[in-house]
């Protein structure tokens, strides 16, 4: 098999596997508790951490504003 084709197939398989795992772990299995609740909680925590990292947390924004106000 061509090395480029093999590389493309491996990458596509990795992306598909990660996507399927994410969808299975975050699926709604109803109101009953199940084994995946701790994993779901960890995923939600990770999502919130990434959002805070990307957008900046409110605490950091408030500290920046406080530092800038006395200068004016």
Protein backbone atom coordinates (compact mmCIF):
# COMPACT_ATOMS: atom_id res chain seq x y z
CA UNK A 1 0.00 0.00 0.00
CA UNK A 2 1.15 3.51 -0.77
CA UNK A 3 2.64 5.19 2.35
CA UNK A 4 0.51 8.31 1.85
CA UNK A 5 -2.67 6.25 1.63
CA UNK A 6 -1.67 4.25 4.69
CA UNK A 7 -1.04 7.46 6.65
CA UNK A 8 -4.42 8.89 5.58
CA UNK A 9 -6.24 5.71 6.61
CA UNK A 10 -4.50 5.69 10.02
CA UNK A 11 -5.39 9.34 10.69
CA UNK A 12 -8.98 8.88 9.56
CA UNK A 13 -9.33 5.83 11.79
CA UNK A 14 -7.93 7.73 14.80
CA UNK A 15 -10.32 10.64 14.28
CA UNK A 16 -13.29 8.33 13.80
CA UNK A 17 -12.40 6.35 16.93
CA UNK A 18 -12.06 9.50 19.06
CA UNK A 19 -15.33 10.89 17.73
CA UNK A 20 -17.19 7.64 18.39
CA UNK A 21 -15.76 7.39 21.91
CA UNK A 22 -16.76 10.99 22.69
CA UNK A 23 -20.30 10.45 21.40
CA UNK A 24 -20.71 7.20 23.34
CA UNK A 25 -19.39 8.73 26.57
CA UNK A 26 -21.52 11.86 26.37
CA UNK A 27 -24.72 10.17 25.20
CA UNK A 28 -27.81 10.46 27.38
CA UNK A 29 -28.55 7.03 28.81
CA UNK A 30 -31.62 8.12 30.75
CA UNK A 31 -32.20 9.16 34.34
CA UNK A 32 -30.66 6.06 35.91
CA UNK A 33 -27.09 6.16 37.18
CA UNK A 34 -24.60 4.17 35.19
CA UNK A 35 -20.90 3.40 35.03
CA UNK A 36 -20.11 6.35 32.76
CA UNK A 37 -21.22 9.13 35.16
CA UNK A 38 -17.69 9.75 36.55
CA UNK A 39 -16.29 9.79 33.02
CA UNK A 40 -19.00 12.23 31.90
CA UNK A 41 -18.25 14.47 34.88
CA UNK A 42 -14.55 14.46 34.00
CA UNK A 43 -15.34 15.34 30.38
CA UNK A 44 -17.57 18.25 31.42
CA UNK A 45 -14.89 19.49 33.81
CA UNK A 46 -12.32 19.30 31.03
CA UNK A 47 -14.61 21.19 28.65
CA UNK A 48 -15.09 23.95 31.23
CA UNK A 49 -11.34 24.16 31.82
CA UNK A 50 -10.66 24.50 28.12
CA UNK A 51 -13.34 27.19 27.80
CA UNK A 52 -11.78 29.11 30.70
CA UNK A 53 -8.35 28.74 29.13
CA UNK A 54 -9.52 30.00 25.75
CA UNK A 55 -11.80 32.81 26.92
CA UNK A 56 -9.98 33.68 30.15
CA UNK A 57 -11.53 33.29 33.55
CA UNK A 58 -13.61 36.04 35.16
CA UNK A 59 -11.21 36.27 38.09
CA UNK A 60 -8.26 37.02 35.81
CA UNK A 61 -10.29 39.60 33.87
CA UNK A 62 -11.31 41.33 37.10
CA UNK A 63 -7.71 41.47 38.34
CA UNK A 64 -6.56 42.97 35.04
CA UNK A 65 -9.24 45.66 35.19
CA UNK A 66 -8.36 46.51 38.80
CA UNK A 67 -4.70 46.94 37.87
CA UNK A 68 -5.53 49.18 34.91
CA UNK A 69 -8.04 51.49 36.68
CA UNK A 70 -5.58 53.14 39.14
CA UNK A 71 -3.35 54.17 36.23
CA UNK A 72 -6.09 56.33 34.67
